[in-house]
Amino acid sequence: MNSQAPNLQVELPSDRISRRSFLKFCGLMVATLALPARYIDTVSKALATASRLPVIWLEFQDCTGDTESFLRAAQRASPLDPGQTSPSIIDLLLDTISVDYHETLMVPAGEMSEKSLNDTLQNYAGQYLAVVEGAIPTADNGVYCTIRGRTALSIAQQVLPGARAVIAMGSCAWDGGLAAASPNLTGATGVKSAVPGLANFVALPGCPANVVNLAATIVHLLAFNELPPRETDGRPYFAYGEEIHENCERHDFYEEDQFVRAWGDQGHRSGWCLFKMGCKGPRTKSNCPQVKWNDSTCWPIAAGHGCVGCTSPHFWDQLTPFYQELPDD
């Protein structure tokens, strides 16, 4: 990787952030996006000079888990520099975006909240970022999820086509998630099925999605004026290009046929492979082992619980029972 130093004369986006912390954040984003280090300069300039991106965050048929992931992203320890502190992802992300509408987080209520939505649609047509959390019910004209008397389906049809880009945040927004699991009486589905024809669409599945991937996607959009390269289903390669199994710290135990056979057995206490306990890592693509959770300190497999495959298509139907070993392909 090119070790070219970033431009240290760039103006910081906020006087609350030190230059060192800002550049570390840019480095984290570049590493997450799997870009060469020379792009730190490009990213730092883009974040320092870009106008704050207006965001409309829609919550539909969901558990609010992705919002909780967003709020709890206190990324104080960078994976690039363990032991060093930095502002949280949220601190830096909120200096880059302006969350103009979010039912859970916004101060206005009732008619004023609707005004916030309509003002953003009118004043920033074609410029705002739309983030969708939760599935969109389509059965019986979408009556199974309504906000202020309007169906989620009608709101999505109004908001999403005019966005600069649309992000499906979490598995429910991607393909319906838990809400769409059989028998799916509400006709729950993901964004692209509910509102076909969206060109600038990216999916960040997960239950919940990792906010580091959200931040990296937004950074890519601001730095290069386009969304990161994606599969046909909308998942970006940087986050969903490799199987969890290949980057798992328990992979060597798999190769040596050293498997946990019962919760709490000697193999479990020794960190052996969880495949026999139902881990879906060999069939799941995600960068969980790299970006991790809880301040980038841990993730489910490291904590002793197998992957349930939450970034895979229709995982509630396709990968259950979660604690049953996968059959041979």
Protein backbone atom coordinates (compact mmCIF):
# COMPACT_ATOMS: atom_id res chain seq x y z
CA MET A 1 0.00 0.00 0.00
CA ASN A 2 1.17 3.50 -0.78
CA SER A 3 2.26 5.27 2.39
CA GLN A 4 1.84 8.78 0.98
CA ALA A 5 1.03 11.14 3.86
CA PRO A 6 -2.31 12.92 3.81
CA ASN A 7 -2.49 16.67 3.36
CA LEU A 8 -2.16 18.09 6.89
CA GLN A 9 -3.29 21.55 5.77
CA VAL A 10 -6.88 20.42 5.31
CA GLU A 11 -9.42 22.30 7.39
CA LEU A 12 -11.19 20.17 9.98
CA PRO A 13 -14.98 19.78 9.70
CA SER A 14 -15.41 20.67 13.39
CA ASP A 15 -13.41 22.43 16.08
CA ARG A 16 -14.42 19.61 18.46
CA ILE A 17 -12.21 17.14 16.62
CA SER A 18 -8.43 17.04 16.76
CA ARG A 19 -6.47 16.69 13.54
CA ARG A 20 -5.04 13.36 14.73
CA SER A 21 -8.50 11.97 15.50
CA PHE A 22 -9.90 13.20 12.19
CA LEU A 23 -7.13 11.56 10.18
CA LYS A 24 -7.50 8.35 12.15
CA PHE A 25 -11.18 8.31 11.28
CA CYS A 26 -10.32 8.86 7.60
CA GLY A 27 -7.84 5.99 7.85
CA LEU A 28 -10.48 3.73 9.37
CA MET A 29 -12.87 4.54 6.54
CA VAL A 30 -10.24 3.89 3.87
CA ALA A 31 -9.28 0.57 5.49
CA THR A 32 -12.94 -0.47 5.81
CA LEU A 33 -13.51 0.34 2.13
CA ALA A 34 -10.41 -1.76 1.25
CA LEU A 35 -8.79 1.19 -0.52
CA PRO A 36 -5.04 1.92 -0.71
CA ALA A 37 -3.75 4.23 2.02
CA ARG A 38 -3.11 7.01 -0.50
CA TYR A 39 -6.87 7.65 -0.54
CA ILE A 40 -6.76 9.00 3.02
CA ASP A 41 -5.88 12.36 1.46
CA THR A 42 -8.89 12.19 -0.89
CA VAL A 43 -11.24 11.22 1.91
CA SER A 44 -9.93 13.85 4.34
CA LYS A 45 -10.36 16.64 1.79
CA ALA A 46 -13.86 15.48 0.86
CA LEU A 47 -15.04 15.29 4.47
CA ALA A 48 -13.49 18.64 5.35
CA THR A 49 -15.00 20.54 2.43
CA ALA A 50 -18.32 18.85 1.66
CA SER A 51 -21.56 20.41 2.78
CA ARG A 52 -23.38 18.36 5.41
CA LEU A 53 -25.47 15.73 3.67
CA PRO A 54 -29.21 15.95 4.51
CA VAL A 55 -30.55 12.59 5.70
CA ILE A 56 -34.12 11.30 5.85
CA TRP A 57 -34.17 8.16 8.02
CA LEU A 58 -37.39 6.16 7.66
CA GLU A 59 -38.38 3.52 10.20
CA PHE A 60 -40.95 0.97 9.14
CA GLN A 61 -41.63 -2.64 10.21
CA ASP A 62 -38.65 -3.09 12.53
CA CYS A 63 -37.31 -3.52 16.07
CA THR A 64 -35.30 -0.25 16.04
CA GLY A 65 -32.12 -2.33 16.28
CA ASP A 66 -30.36 -0.43 13.50
CA THR A 67 -31.10 2.89 15.17
CA GLU A 68 -29.70 1.46 18.41
CA SER A 69 -26.60 0.36 16.50
CA PHE A 70 -26.30 3.89 15.14
CA LEU A 71 -26.70 5.48 18.58
CA ARG A 72 -24.33 3.13 20.41
CA ALA A 73 -21.46 3.44 17.96
CA ALA A 74 -18.94 4.74 20.49
CA GLN A 75 -15.99 3.71 18.34
CA ARG A 76 -13.42 4.92 20.83
CA ALA A 77 -10.73 2.40 19.93
CA SER A 78 -9.71 2.27 16.30
CA PRO A 79 -8.96 -1.19 14.83
CA LEU A 80 -6.09 0.51 12.99
CA ASP A 81 -4.49 1.68 16.23
CA PRO A 82 -5.55 -0.47 19.21
CA GLY A 83 -5.26 1.21 22.55
CA GLN A 84 -5.52 4.71 21.08
CA THR A 85 -8.65 6.74 21.67
CA SER A 86 -10.61 8.75 19.13
CA PRO A 87 -14.00 10.45 18.84
CA SER A 88 -16.86 8.10 18.24
CA ILE A 89 -18.08 7.22 14.77
CA ILE A 90 -21.21 9.17 15.64
CA ASP A 91 -19.22 12.28 16.61
CA LEU A 92 -17.54 12.34 13.23
CA LEU A 93 -20.49 11.10 11.20
CA LEU A 94 -22.79 13.78 12.60
CA ASP A 95 -20.28 16.40 11.48
CA THR A 96 -20.69 15.00 7.97
CA ILE A 97 -24.46 14.45 7.79
CA SER A 98 -27.55 16.28 9.00
CA VAL A 99 -30.28 13.93 10.21
CA ASP A 100 -33.24 16.10 9.25
CA TYR A 101 -35.90 13.45 9.79
CA HIS A 102 -35.89 10.39 12.04
CA GLU A 103 -39.02 9.42 13.96
CA THR A 104 -37.10 8.02 16.93
CA LEU A 105 -34.47 10.73 17.27
CA MET A 106 -36.07 13.96 16.09
CA VAL A 107 -37.39 16.62 18.47
CA PRO A 108 -40.50 17.67 16.48
CA ALA A 109 -43.66 15.61 16.80
CA GLY A 110 -47.01 15.41 15.04
CA GLU A 111 -47.52 18.00 12.32
CA MET A 112 -44.09 19.51 12.92
CA SER A 113 -42.37 16.21 12.23
CA GLU A 114 -44.24 15.94 8.94
CA LYS A 115 -43.15 19.49 8.15
CA SER A 116 -39.51 18.47 8.72
CA LEU A 117 -39.94 15.68 6.20
CA ASN A 118 -41.66 17.82 3.60
CA ASP A 119 -39.19 20.69 4.01
CA THR A 120 -36.27 18.36 3.34
CA LEU A 121 -37.99 16.84 0.31
CA GLN A 122 -38.68 20.29 -1.10
CA ASN A 123 -35.47 22.10 -0.22
CA TYR A 124 -33.03 19.27 -1.01
CA ALA A 125 -34.67 17.43 -3.89
CA GLY A 126 -32.15 15.06 -5.44
CA GLN A 127 -29.58 15.92 -2.76
CA TYR A 128 -30.73 14.10 0.38
CA LEU A 129 -29.73 10.62 1.48
CA ALA A 130 -32.60 8.27 2.32
CA VAL A 131 -31.92 5.58 4.92
CA VAL A 132 -34.60 2.92 5.34
CA GLU A 133 -34.81 0.78 8.47
CA GLY A 134 -37.34 -2.04 8.62
CA ALA A 135 -39.41 -4.01 6.15
CA ILE A 136 -42.22 -2.53 4.08
CA PRO A 137 -45.58 -4.37 4.31
CA THR A 138 -47.40 -4.62 0.98
CA ALA A 139 -50.37 -6.88 1.74
CA ASP A 140 -53.81 -5.25 1.88
CA ASN A 141 -52.39 -2.03 0.45
CA GLY A 142 -49.75 -1.82 3.18
CA VAL A 143 -52.07 -1.22 6.14
CA TYR A 144 -49.88 -3.21 8.55
CA CYS A 145 -47.49 -0.29 9.09
CA THR A 146 -48.78 3.27 9.16
CA ILE A 147 -47.28 6.57 10.28
CA ARG A 148 -49.57 9.56 10.81
CA GLY A 149 -52.27 7.69 8.91
CA ARG A 150 -50.06 6.95 5.90
CA THR A 151 -48.73 3.53 4.97
CA ALA A 152 -45.02 2.81 5.00
CA LEU A 153 -45.39 1.82 1.35
CA SER A 154 -46.80 5.20 0.32
CA ILE A 155 -44.13 7.08 2.28
CA ALA A 156 -41.36 5.01 0.68
CA GLN A 157 -42.84 5.63 -2.77
CA GLN A 158 -42.85 9.36 -2.08
CA VAL A 159 -39.40 9.72 -0.51
CA LEU A 160 -37.07 7.21 -2.15
CA PRO A 161 -37.23 8.06 -5.89
CA GLY A 162 -36.08 11.63 -5.24
CA ALA A 163 -33.06 10.74 -3.11
CA ARG A 164 -29.45 11.14 -4.13
CA ALA A 165 -28.94 7.63 -2.81
CA VAL A 166 -30.96 5.06 -0.85
CA ILE A 167 -29.46 2.87 1.88
CA ALA A 168 -31.33 -0.20 3.13
CA MET A 169 -30.07 -0.29 6.71
CA GLY A 170 -30.36 -3.80 8.14
CA SER A 171 -31.74 -7.10 6.91
CA CYS A 172 -35.42 -6.13 7.17
CA ALA A 173 -34.97 -3.19 4.81
CA TRP A 174 -32.89 -5.34 2.46
CA ASP A 175 -35.17 -8.33 1.89
CA GLY A 176 -37.86 -8.21 4.58
CA GLY A 177 -35.82 -9.91 7.30
CA LEU A 178 -37.74 -11.40 10.22
CA ALA A 179 -40.96 -9.67 9.19
CA ALA A 180 -40.87 -11.48 5.84
CA ALA A 181 -40.22 -14.92 7.34
CA SER A 182 -42.83 -17.58 6.53
CA PRO A 183 -45.81 -17.24 6.50
CA ASN A 184 -45.32 -13.46 6.02
CA LEU A 185 -48.96 -12.51 6.50
CA THR A 186 -48.23 -8.79 6.10
CA GLY A 187 -46.51 -9.17 2.74
CA ALA A 188 -43.34 -7.66 4.19
CA THR A 189 -40.58 -7.05 1.69
CA GLY A 190 -37.39 -5.08 1.19
CA VAL A 191 -36.87 -1.67 -0.35
CA LYS A 192 -36.14 -2.70 -3.93
CA SER A 193 -39.19 -4.95 -4.15
CA ALA A 194 -41.48 -2.30 -2.66
CA VAL A 195 -40.09 0.55 -4.76
CA PRO A 196 -38.64 -0.94 -7.98
CA GLY A 197 -36.29 0.93 -10.25
CA LEU A 198 -34.09 2.68 -7.69
CA ALA A 199 -30.75 3.31 -9.36
CA ASN A 200 -28.58 4.58 -6.50
CA PHE A 201 -29.33 1.82 -4.03
CA VAL A 202 -27.05 0.11 -1.52
CA ALA A 203 -27.95 -2.60 1.00
CA LEU A 204 -26.28 -3.01 4.39
CA PRO A 205 -27.89 -6.17 5.77
CA GLY A 206 -27.29 -7.35 9.29
CA CYS A 207 -29.40 -7.81 12.38
CA PRO A 208 -28.50 -5.08 13.12
CA ALA A 209 -26.26 -3.51 10.49
CA ASN A 210 -22.85 -2.28 11.60
CA VAL A 211 -22.62 1.52 11.71
CA VAL A 212 -18.98 1.39 10.54
CA ASN A 213 -20.25 0.11 7.20
CA LEU A 214 -22.87 2.87 7.10
CA ALA A 215 -20.19 5.48 7.76
CA ALA A 216 -17.90 4.00 5.10
CA THR A 217 -20.70 3.99 2.53
CA ILE A 218 -21.48 7.65 3.19
CA VAL A 219 -17.79 8.56 3.09
CA HIS A 220 -17.43 6.84 -0.29
CA LEU A 221 -20.43 8.76 -1.63
CA LEU A 222 -18.99 12.09 -0.48
CA ALA A 223 -15.40 11.38 -1.56
CA PHE A 224 -16.12 9.91 -5.00
CA ASN A 225 -19.68 11.12 -5.72
CA GLU A 226 -20.86 7.56 -6.13
CA LEU A 227 -21.79 4.55 -4.03
CA PRO A 228 -19.18 1.82 -3.50
CA PRO A 229 -19.11 -1.11 -5.96
CA ARG A 230 -21.92 -3.54 -5.23
CA GLU A 231 -23.30 -6.97 -6.04
CA THR A 232 -26.51 -7.16 -8.04
CA ASP A 233 -28.49 -7.44 -4.80
CA GLY A 234 -27.06 -4.12 -3.59
CA ARG A 235 -24.53 -5.36 -1.02
CA PRO A 236 -21.18 -3.52 -1.32
CA TYR A 237 -18.18 -5.73 -1.92
CA PHE A 238 -16.08 -4.03 0.75
CA ALA A 239 -18.44 -5.25 3.49
CA TYR A 240 -19.94 -8.41 2.01
CA GLY A 241 -17.33 -9.68 -0.43
CA GLU A 242 -15.76 -12.44 1.70
CA GLU A 243 -17.09 -15.28 3.80
CA ILE A 244 -16.88 -14.80 7.54
CA HIS A 245 -15.37 -18.29 7.71
CA GLU A 246 -12.23 -17.22 5.83
CA ASN A 247 -11.39 -14.42 8.27
CA CYS A 248 -12.56 -16.06 11.49
CA GLU A 249 -10.04 -16.45 14.31
CA ARG A 250 -11.39 -19.99 14.83
CA HIS A 251 -10.70 -21.03 11.22
CA ASP A 252 -7.53 -22.97 12.05
CA PHE A 253 -9.50 -25.14 14.49
CA TYR A 254 -11.93 -25.92 11.65
CA GLU A 255 -9.04 -27.07 9.47
CA GLU A 256 -7.78 -29.29 12.31
CA ASP A 257 -11.27 -30.79 12.91
CA GLN A 258 -11.35 -29.33 16.40
CA PHE A 259 -15.00 -28.51 17.04
CA VAL A 260 -17.12 -27.47 19.99
CA ARG A 261 -19.55 -30.35 20.63
CA ALA A 262 -21.52 -28.92 23.55
CA TRP A 263 -21.84 -25.48 25.10
CA GLY A 264 -19.32 -25.13 27.87
CA ASP A 265 -17.23 -28.17 26.93
CA GLN A 266 -13.44 -28.05 26.87
CA GLY A 267 -13.41 -27.12 23.16
CA HIS A 268 -15.78 -24.23 23.81
CA ARG A 269 -13.60 -22.97 26.64
CA SER A 270 -10.54 -23.30 24.40
CA GLY A 271 -12.02 -21.29 21.52
CA TRP A 272 -12.49 -24.13 19.04
CA CYS A 273 -14.61 -23.92 15.90
CA LEU A 274 -18.39 -23.54 16.39
CA PHE A 275 -19.42 -25.15 13.09
CA LYS A 276 -20.89 -28.26 14.74
CA MET A 277 -22.98 -26.01 16.97
CA GLY A 278 -24.67 -24.44 13.95
CA CYS A 279 -22.33 -21.55 13.06
CA LYS A 280 -23.28 -20.22 9.62
CA GLY A 281 -19.94 -18.51 8.98
CA PRO A 282 -19.08 -20.75 5.99
CA ARG A 283 -22.21 -19.53 4.17
CA THR A 284 -22.26 -15.91 5.27
CA LYS A 285 -20.48 -12.97 3.68
CA SER A 286 -19.66 -10.08 5.99
CA ASN A 287 -16.73 -8.10 7.36
CA CYS A 288 -17.79 -8.73 10.98
CA PRO A 289 -14.39 -10.26 11.87
CA GLN A 290 -12.65 -7.07 10.73
CA VAL A 291 -14.87 -4.22 11.95
CA LYS A 292 -16.31 -6.10 14.95
CA TRP A 293 -18.64 -4.58 17.56
CA ASN A 294 -18.50 -3.04 21.04
CA ASP A 295 -15.84 -0.43 20.28
CA SER A 296 -14.23 -2.85 17.81
CA THR A 297 -13.26 -5.17 20.65
CA CYS A 298 -15.37 -8.24 19.97
CA TRP A 299 -17.97 -9.94 17.78
CA PRO A 300 -20.36 -12.91 18.26
CA ILE A 301 -18.00 -15.74 17.26
CA ALA A 302 -15.17 -14.36 19.39
CA ALA A 303 -17.63 -14.19 22.29
CA GLY A 304 -18.44 -17.89 21.88
CA HIS A 305 -21.68 -17.76 19.87
CA GLY A 306 -21.92 -19.01 16.29
CA CYS A 307 -22.86 -16.79 13.37
CA VAL A 308 -26.59 -16.95 12.53
CA GLY A 309 -26.06 -15.68 8.98
CA CYS A 310 -27.95 -12.41 9.40
CA THR A 311 -26.33 -10.82 6.34
CA SER A 312 -27.47 -13.69 4.07
CA PRO A 313 -30.64 -13.59 1.95
CA HIS A 314 -33.81 -14.61 3.83
CA PHE A 315 -31.72 -16.05 6.65
CA TRP A 316 -34.71 -16.63 8.95
CA ASP A 317 -36.10 -19.16 6.50
CA GLN A 318 -32.93 -20.40 4.82
CA LEU A 319 -30.53 -20.83 7.76
CA THR A 320 -32.72 -22.03 10.61
CA PRO A 321 -32.55 -23.89 12.97
CA PHE A 322 -29.68 -21.66 14.08
CA TYR A 323 -28.11 -24.28 16.36
CA GLN A 324 -28.14 -27.12 13.84
CA GLU A 325 -25.03 -28.01 11.84
CA LEU A 326 -25.13 -27.00 8.21
CA PRO A 327 -25.54 -29.88 5.76
CA ASP A 328 -22.75 -30.58 3.27
CA ASP A 329 -23.10 -28.66 0.00
